Amino acid sequence: MGAIGCTGNLIVLLCRRFAPTTNVVHSLYLRNLALSDLLMGIYLFIIAAEDQYYRGVYLSYQYIWRHSYVCKLCGFLSTLSCESSVLILTLVTWDRFISVTQPLVRKQPSKKVAVITLITLWSFSTVISLAPLSDITRGYFGDEFYGNNGVCLSLHIHEPYAMGWQYSAAMFILINTLALVFICYAYLRMINEIKSSGVACRSTRQSQDTDKVAQRFGIIVFTDSLCWVPVILVKLVALSGLPIPQDLYAWLAIFVLPINSALNPVLYTLTTTVFKKQIRKMFRSCCRRKSDPQHTASESGFSLSFGVFPIGGSTKRILSYRGTHSSSLTGSKTSCKRSTAV
């Protein structure tokens, strides 16, 4: 799961960094979402490496591991990834919700506003994640907020009322529940809007596109629920005093929490029509340059000699214009000479 999450999110970061896009703000949101999900992949890789290192001798070294700086780093990364991902997903949902429900009234936010919003969300998530590690808050959190279990999660399901339990409950129940309720409501409302607008579509192609968008939104709601609902329910069950299986931490850390981190790149970027068109365009452009290196080299040299850089088809249009312009000048000079001779 860690390999899938890291690979997918790295592809999103690289492709959205270099692929051209008309919606800069939305692309910026999705790059930050990929960065947030990438942190979860890094966390999983560290846990896997430590599991391999302590295999067979973990019981003898569990206290050392749970109080180590690496475990605290893992707890920080997992919390930062979870909270920032939840907040950025909420922001992306809000951006789509306003665009779909109020397309004429809504004004696209500027890149500056988007950057300020993202900085605020990242700062809030970082403060939440760092607070249990501060010496100032040690009296409330104690020394084992992240080291309460072997996978260094702050979920606290086996000791639900350990030091800082209110903080853990607020993160995994309050914030996640509010975000999930809003995201489900927003996407269901968008599906309804799209379906109602699709009724008036005369074109079968438009109707099919409408159904595809509605299906994608439905899948997003399902995957978000698949990730967050089990965590919320397990936390509520733990607080109620019911016994929780000992190996549930490992299942939550490896299979449940990383679901969104692994699927978000696919749902929000890799399978979208616009993204696939951009990748095809970039691939075809690279193939053309490789298939005609002599033409590209001569074109580049000619353009550079005139102070023009060969960027896609713009250089060809400039060269065509210069060729036509020079031909017209030659033709005009010839006609002048002929008239003079006559």
Protein backbone atom coordinates (compact mmCIF):
# COMPACT_ATOMS: atom_id res chain seq x y z
CA MET A 1 0.00 0.00 0.00
CA GLY A 2 2.89 2.34 0.75
CA ALA A 3 4.47 1.66 -2.66
CA ILE A 4 1.15 2.29 -4.42
CA GLY A 5 0.59 5.53 -2.52
CA CYS A 6 4.10 6.87 -3.07
CA THR A 7 4.21 5.94 -6.77
CA GLY A 8 0.78 7.34 -7.60
CA ASN A 9 1.28 10.59 -5.72
CA LEU A 10 4.77 11.15 -7.13
CA ILE A 11 3.35 10.72 -10.64
CA VAL A 12 0.65 13.28 -9.85
CA LEU A 13 3.17 15.76 -8.45
CA LEU A 14 5.48 15.48 -11.46
CA CYS A 15 2.79 15.44 -14.14
CA ARG A 16 0.78 18.29 -12.68
CA ARG A 17 3.98 20.28 -12.24
CA PHE A 18 4.99 20.07 -15.90
CA ALA A 19 1.73 19.39 -17.78
CA PRO A 20 0.00 22.59 -18.98
CA THR A 21 -3.39 23.37 -17.43
CA THR A 22 -6.00 26.09 -17.73
CA ASN A 23 -7.28 25.67 -14.15
CA VAL A 24 -4.19 26.64 -12.17
CA VAL A 25 -5.94 26.88 -8.80
CA HIS A 26 -7.55 23.43 -8.98
CA SER A 27 -4.24 21.91 -10.09
CA LEU A 28 -2.53 23.59 -7.12
CA TYR A 29 -5.07 22.05 -4.75
CA LEU A 30 -4.51 18.58 -6.19
CA ARG A 31 -0.71 18.89 -6.01
CA ASN A 32 -0.99 19.68 -2.32
CA LEU A 33 -3.38 16.76 -1.87
CA ALA A 34 -0.82 14.48 -3.53
CA LEU A 35 1.91 15.82 -1.23
CA SER A 36 -0.27 15.14 1.80
CA ASP A 37 -1.00 11.59 0.66
CA LEU A 38 2.69 11.05 -0.13
CA LEU A 39 3.46 11.59 3.57
CA MET A 40 1.26 8.60 4.40
CA GLY A 41 3.25 6.48 1.96
CA ILE A 42 6.50 7.57 3.63
CA TYR A 43 5.02 6.68 7.03
CA LEU A 44 4.12 3.20 5.79
CA PHE A 45 7.61 2.64 4.40
CA ILE A 46 9.19 3.58 7.75
CA ILE A 47 6.83 1.28 9.68
CA ALA A 48 7.57 -1.57 7.25
CA ALA A 49 11.33 -1.07 7.64
CA GLU A 50 11.12 -1.02 11.44
CA ASP A 51 8.87 -4.07 11.43
CA GLN A 52 11.51 -5.93 9.45
CA TYR A 53 14.25 -4.72 11.79
CA TYR A 54 12.48 -5.77 15.02
CA ARG A 55 10.94 -8.98 13.65
CA GLY A 56 11.33 -11.81 16.14
CA VAL A 57 12.65 -9.57 18.94
CA TYR A 58 9.94 -6.88 19.12
CA LEU A 59 8.69 -7.83 22.60
CA SER A 60 12.18 -7.26 24.00
CA TYR A 61 12.51 -3.83 22.36
CA GLN A 62 8.94 -2.54 22.25
CA TYR A 63 9.50 0.06 25.00
CA ILE A 64 12.63 1.38 23.26
CA TRP A 65 10.83 1.53 19.92
CA ARG A 66 7.69 3.25 21.23
CA HIS A 67 9.78 5.93 22.96
CA SER A 68 12.19 6.45 20.07
CA TYR A 69 12.43 9.55 17.89
CA VAL A 70 11.58 7.46 14.83
CA CYS A 71 8.26 6.44 16.38
CA LYS A 72 7.51 10.08 17.19
CA LEU A 73 8.36 10.99 13.60
CA CYS A 74 5.96 8.30 12.36
CA GLY A 75 3.22 9.61 14.62
CA PHE A 76 3.82 13.14 13.38
CA LEU A 77 3.77 12.07 9.71
CA SER A 78 0.61 9.98 10.03
CA THR A 79 -1.28 12.72 11.87
CA LEU A 80 -0.07 15.44 9.50
CA SER A 81 -1.03 13.34 6.49
CA CYS A 82 -4.49 12.44 7.82
CA GLU A 83 -5.47 15.94 8.93
CA SER A 84 -4.04 17.83 5.95
CA SER A 85 -5.60 15.32 3.54
CA VAL A 86 -9.01 15.69 5.18
CA LEU A 87 -8.82 19.50 5.07
CA ILE A 88 -7.55 19.68 1.48
CA LEU A 89 -10.19 17.18 0.33
CA THR A 90 -12.79 19.41 1.95
CA LEU A 91 -11.32 22.42 0.14
CA VAL A 92 -11.34 20.59 -3.22
CA THR A 93 -14.94 19.51 -2.60
CA TRP A 94 -15.96 23.08 -1.76
CA ASP A 95 -14.29 24.35 -4.93
CA ARG A 96 -16.16 21.80 -7.06
CA PHE A 97 -19.42 22.29 -5.18
CA ILE A 98 -19.55 26.03 -5.86
CA SER A 99 -18.51 25.51 -9.48
CA VAL A 100 -21.30 23.00 -10.12
CA THR A 101 -24.14 24.54 -8.09
CA GLN A 102 -23.38 28.21 -8.85
CA PRO A 103 -21.56 28.25 -12.21
CA LEU A 104 -22.70 31.76 -13.18
CA VAL A 105 -22.33 33.44 -9.79
CA ARG A 106 -19.08 31.82 -8.74
CA LYS A 107 -15.81 33.59 -9.44
CA GLN A 108 -12.59 31.60 -9.74
CA PRO A 109 -10.33 32.39 -6.73
CA SER A 110 -6.98 33.90 -7.56
CA LYS A 111 -3.77 31.92 -7.16
CA LYS A 112 -2.76 34.22 -4.29
CA VAL A 113 -5.95 33.44 -2.36
CA ALA A 114 -5.49 29.72 -3.03
CA VAL A 115 -1.89 29.80 -1.78
CA ILE A 116 -2.90 31.66 1.41
CA THR A 117 -5.70 29.14 2.02
CA LEU A 118 -3.34 26.18 1.56
CA ILE A 119 -0.70 27.72 3.83
CA THR A 120 -3.38 28.16 6.51
CA LEU A 121 -4.50 24.52 6.21
CA TRP A 122 -0.94 23.18 6.29
CA SER A 123 -0.07 25.39 9.28
CA PHE A 124 -3.14 24.21 11.18
CA SER A 125 -2.35 20.55 10.43
CA THR A 126 1.31 21.00 11.41
CA VAL A 127 0.40 22.62 14.74
CA ILE A 128 -2.04 19.80 15.50
CA SER A 129 0.63 17.20 14.71
CA LEU A 130 3.46 18.91 16.61
CA ALA A 131 1.48 19.79 19.75
CA PRO A 132 1.87 16.32 21.38
CA LEU A 133 5.67 16.55 20.93
CA SER A 134 6.13 19.90 22.65
CA ASP A 135 7.62 20.18 26.14
CA ILE A 136 5.00 22.81 26.95
CA THR A 137 2.12 20.35 26.45
CA ARG A 138 3.81 17.32 28.03
CA GLY A 139 1.68 17.66 31.16
CA TYR A 140 -1.43 17.04 29.07
CA PHE A 141 -0.18 14.55 26.46
CA GLY A 142 2.42 12.69 28.50
CA ASP A 143 5.31 10.80 26.84
CA GLU A 144 3.33 8.16 24.96
CA PHE A 145 0.76 10.01 22.89
CA TYR A 146 2.33 8.71 19.67
CA GLY A 147 4.06 5.76 21.35
CA ASN A 148 0.87 4.31 22.78
CA ASN A 149 1.01 1.45 20.25
CA GLY A 150 3.50 -0.29 17.97
CA VAL A 151 2.48 1.54 14.79
CA CYS A 152 2.73 4.97 16.47
CA LEU A 153 -0.84 6.05 15.70
CA SER A 154 -2.62 8.55 17.93
CA LEU A 155 -5.89 6.63 17.59
CA HIS A 156 -5.69 5.08 21.10
CA ILE A 157 -8.24 2.27 20.79
CA HIS A 158 -6.80 -0.08 23.43
CA GLU A 159 -6.34 2.66 26.02
CA PRO A 160 -9.08 5.06 24.91
CA TYR A 161 -8.82 7.25 28.01
CA ALA A 162 -5.04 7.61 28.08
CA MET A 163 -3.50 11.06 28.48
CA GLY A 164 -4.68 13.39 25.73
CA TRP A 165 -7.67 11.22 24.81
CA GLN A 166 -9.89 14.26 24.21
CA TYR A 167 -7.41 15.52 21.64
CA SER A 168 -7.38 12.17 19.86
CA ALA A 169 -11.18 11.99 19.89
CA ALA A 170 -11.46 15.51 18.46
CA MET A 171 -9.13 14.63 15.57
CA PHE A 172 -10.55 11.25 14.60
CA ILE A 173 -14.21 11.78 15.46
CA LEU A 174 -15.09 15.49 15.35
CA ILE A 175 -12.96 16.76 12.44
CA ASN A 176 -13.32 13.61 10.32
CA THR A 177 -17.08 13.37 10.89
CA LEU A 178 -17.71 17.01 9.99
CA ALA A 179 -15.55 16.70 6.87
CA LEU A 180 -17.19 13.42 5.82
CA VAL A 181 -20.72 14.80 6.29
CA PHE A 182 -19.92 17.89 4.22
CA ILE A 183 -18.17 15.92 1.45
CA CYS A 184 -21.01 13.39 1.21
CA TYR A 185 -23.64 16.15 1.15
CA ALA A 186 -21.71 18.21 -1.41
CA TYR A 187 -21.10 15.35 -3.83
CA LEU A 188 -24.64 14.00 -3.53
CA ARG A 189 -25.93 17.51 -4.21
CA MET A 190 -23.59 17.79 -7.21
CA ILE A 191 -24.75 14.41 -8.53
CA ASN A 192 -28.34 15.63 -8.26
CA GLU A 193 -27.49 18.87 -10.09
CA ILE A 194 -25.67 16.99 -12.86
CA LYS A 195 -28.48 14.46 -13.24
CA SER A 196 -31.13 17.18 -13.40
CA SER A 197 -29.15 19.10 -16.00
CA GLY A 198 -28.56 15.88 -17.95
CA VAL A 199 -32.31 15.38 -18.39
CA ALA A 200 -32.40 18.37 -20.72
CA CYS A 201 -29.45 17.15 -22.79
CA ARG A 202 -30.40 16.45 -26.39
CA SER A 203 -27.13 14.73 -27.22
CA THR A 204 -26.57 11.11 -26.23
CA ARG A 205 -22.86 11.88 -25.89
CA GLN A 206 -23.59 14.67 -23.39
CA SER A 207 -25.86 12.35 -21.44
CA GLN A 208 -23.12 9.70 -21.29
CA ASP A 209 -20.58 12.28 -20.10
CA THR A 210 -23.02 13.39 -17.41
CA ASP A 211 -23.41 9.80 -16.21
CA LYS A 212 -19.63 9.34 -16.09
CA VAL A 213 -19.17 12.46 -13.95
CA ALA A 214 -21.95 11.35 -11.61
CA GLN A 215 -20.38 7.89 -11.31
CA ARG A 216 -16.97 9.41 -10.52
CA PHE A 217 -18.49 11.58 -7.78
CA GLY A 218 -20.26 8.53 -6.36
CA ILE A 219 -16.99 6.59 -6.25
CA ILE A 220 -15.30 9.50 -4.43
CA VAL A 221 -18.03 9.49 -1.76
CA PHE A 222 -17.73 5.70 -1.40
CA THR A 223 -13.92 5.67 -1.00
CA ASP A 224 -13.99 8.54 1.50
CA SER A 225 -16.59 6.69 3.54
CA LEU A 226 -14.62 3.45 3.24
CA CYS A 227 -11.61 5.15 4.81
CA TRP A 228 -13.16 7.34 7.51
CA VAL A 229 -16.27 5.51 8.69
CA PRO A 230 -14.37 2.45 10.07
CA VAL A 231 -11.93 4.71 11.93
CA ILE A 232 -14.74 6.80 13.44
CA LEU A 233 -16.72 3.70 14.44
CA VAL A 234 -13.70 1.96 15.98
CA LYS A 235 -12.88 5.06 18.01
CA LEU A 236 -16.49 5.32 19.24
CA VAL A 237 -16.55 1.62 20.14
CA ALA A 238 -13.28 2.00 22.07
CA LEU A 239 -14.64 4.98 24.01
CA SER A 240 -17.76 2.98 24.86
CA GLY A 241 -15.58 0.43 26.67
CA LEU A 242 -16.07 -2.56 24.39
CA PRO A 243 -12.97 -4.75 23.82
CA ILE A 244 -10.97 -4.19 20.62
CA PRO A 245 -8.84 -6.96 18.99
CA GLN A 246 -5.13 -6.50 19.57
CA ASP A 247 -4.14 -6.70 15.91
CA LEU A 248 -6.68 -4.09 14.77
CA TYR A 249 -4.06 -1.31 14.88
CA ALA A 250 -2.05 -3.01 12.16
CA TRP A 251 -5.11 -3.44 9.94
CA LEU A 252 -6.13 0.20 10.38
CA ALA A 253 -2.61 1.49 9.75
CA ILE A 254 -1.85 -0.68 6.71
CA PHE A 255 -5.19 -1.17 4.95
CA VAL A 256 -7.79 1.38 6.13
CA LEU A 257 -6.09 4.75 6.68
CA PRO A 258 -3.99 4.56 3.47
CA ILE A 259 -7.02 3.83 1.24
CA ASN A 260 -7.55 7.49 0.39
CA SER A 261 -3.82 8.09 -0.05
CA ALA A 262 -3.63 5.31 -2.63
CA LEU A 263 -6.89 6.08 -4.46
CA ASN A 264 -6.87 9.90 -4.48
CA PRO A 265 -4.28 10.11 -7.30
CA VAL A 266 -6.43 7.78 -9.41
CA LEU A 267 -9.76 9.47 -8.68
CA TYR A 268 -8.67 13.10 -8.86
CA THR A 269 -5.95 13.03 -11.53
CA LEU A 270 -4.82 9.87 -13.33
CA THR A 271 -8.22 8.83 -14.70
CA THR A 272 -9.63 12.27 -15.54
CA THR A 273 -10.27 13.06 -19.20
CA VAL A 274 -8.42 16.38 -19.13
CA PHE A 275 -5.31 14.84 -17.59
CA LYS A 276 -5.23 11.98 -20.10
CA LYS A 277 -5.52 14.46 -22.97
CA GLN A 278 -2.61 16.49 -21.57
CA ILE A 279 -0.43 13.39 -21.26
CA ARG A 280 -1.28 12.30 -24.82
CA LYS A 281 -0.45 15.78 -26.08
CA MET A 282 2.92 15.78 -24.30
CA PHE A 283 3.69 12.25 -25.54
CA ARG A 284 2.86 13.10 -29.16
CA SER A 285 4.97 16.25 -28.96
CA CYS A 286 7.95 14.24 -27.69
CA CYS A 287 7.45 11.59 -30.40
CA ARG A 288 7.39 14.24 -33.14
CA ARG A 289 10.64 15.74 -31.91
CA LYS A 290 12.34 12.33 -31.76
CA SER A 291 11.07 11.25 -35.18
CA ASP A 292 12.36 14.39 -36.95
CA PRO A 293 15.58 15.41 -35.16
CA GLN A 294 17.17 17.04 -38.24
CA HIS A 295 14.16 19.28 -38.80
CA THR A 296 14.01 20.15 -35.12
CA ALA A 297 17.72 21.00 -35.04
CA SER A 298 17.57 23.19 -38.14
CA GLU A 299 14.41 24.83 -36.86
CA SER A 300 16.03 25.50 -33.50
CA GLY A 301 19.16 26.98 -35.09
CA PHE A 302 17.18 29.19 -37.45
CA SER A 303 14.88 30.36 -34.67
CA LEU A 304 17.71 31.08 -32.26
CA SER A 305 19.51 33.09 -34.92
CA PHE A 306 16.48 35.39 -34.97
CA GLY A 307 16.09 35.34 -31.19
CA VAL A 308 13.05 33.02 -31.26
CA PHE A 309 12.78 29.88 -29.11
CA PRO A 310 11.09 26.81 -30.68
CA ILE A 311 8.08 26.15 -28.49
CA GLY A 312 5.66 23.67 -30.09
CA GLY A 313 3.80 24.86 -33.14
CA SER A 314 4.36 28.59 -32.51
CA THR A 315 7.83 28.48 -34.09
CA LYS A 316 6.48 26.75 -37.18
CA ARG A 317 3.92 29.51 -37.61
CA ILE A 318 6.63 32.15 -37.23
CA LEU A 319 8.87 30.40 -39.76
CA SER A 320 5.97 30.01 -42.16
CA TYR A 321 5.17 33.66 -41.80
CA ARG A 322 8.79 34.65 -42.44
CA GLY A 323 8.97 32.38 -45.50
CA THR A 324 5.76 33.82 -46.93
CA HIS A 325 6.84 37.34 -46.12
CA SER A 326 10.24 36.88 -47.80
CA SER A 327 8.57 35.32 -50.86
CA SER A 328 6.22 38.26 -51.18
CA LEU A 329 9.14 40.68 -50.94
CA THR A 330 11.05 38.75 -53.64
CA GLY A 331 8.02 38.73 -55.84
CA SER A 332 7.50 42.46 -55.44
CA LYS A 333 11.13 43.18 -56.30
CA THR A 334 10.88 41.03 -59.47
CA SER A 335 7.75 42.76 -60.61
CA CYS A 336 9.39 46.13 -60.09
CA LYS A 337 12.35 45.11 -62.21
CA ARG A 338 10.10 43.88 -65.00
CA SER A 339 8.11 47.06 -65.07
CA THR A 340 11.27 49.10 -65.22
CA ALA A 341 12.59 47.04 -68.14
CA VAL A 342 9.37 47.48 -70.04
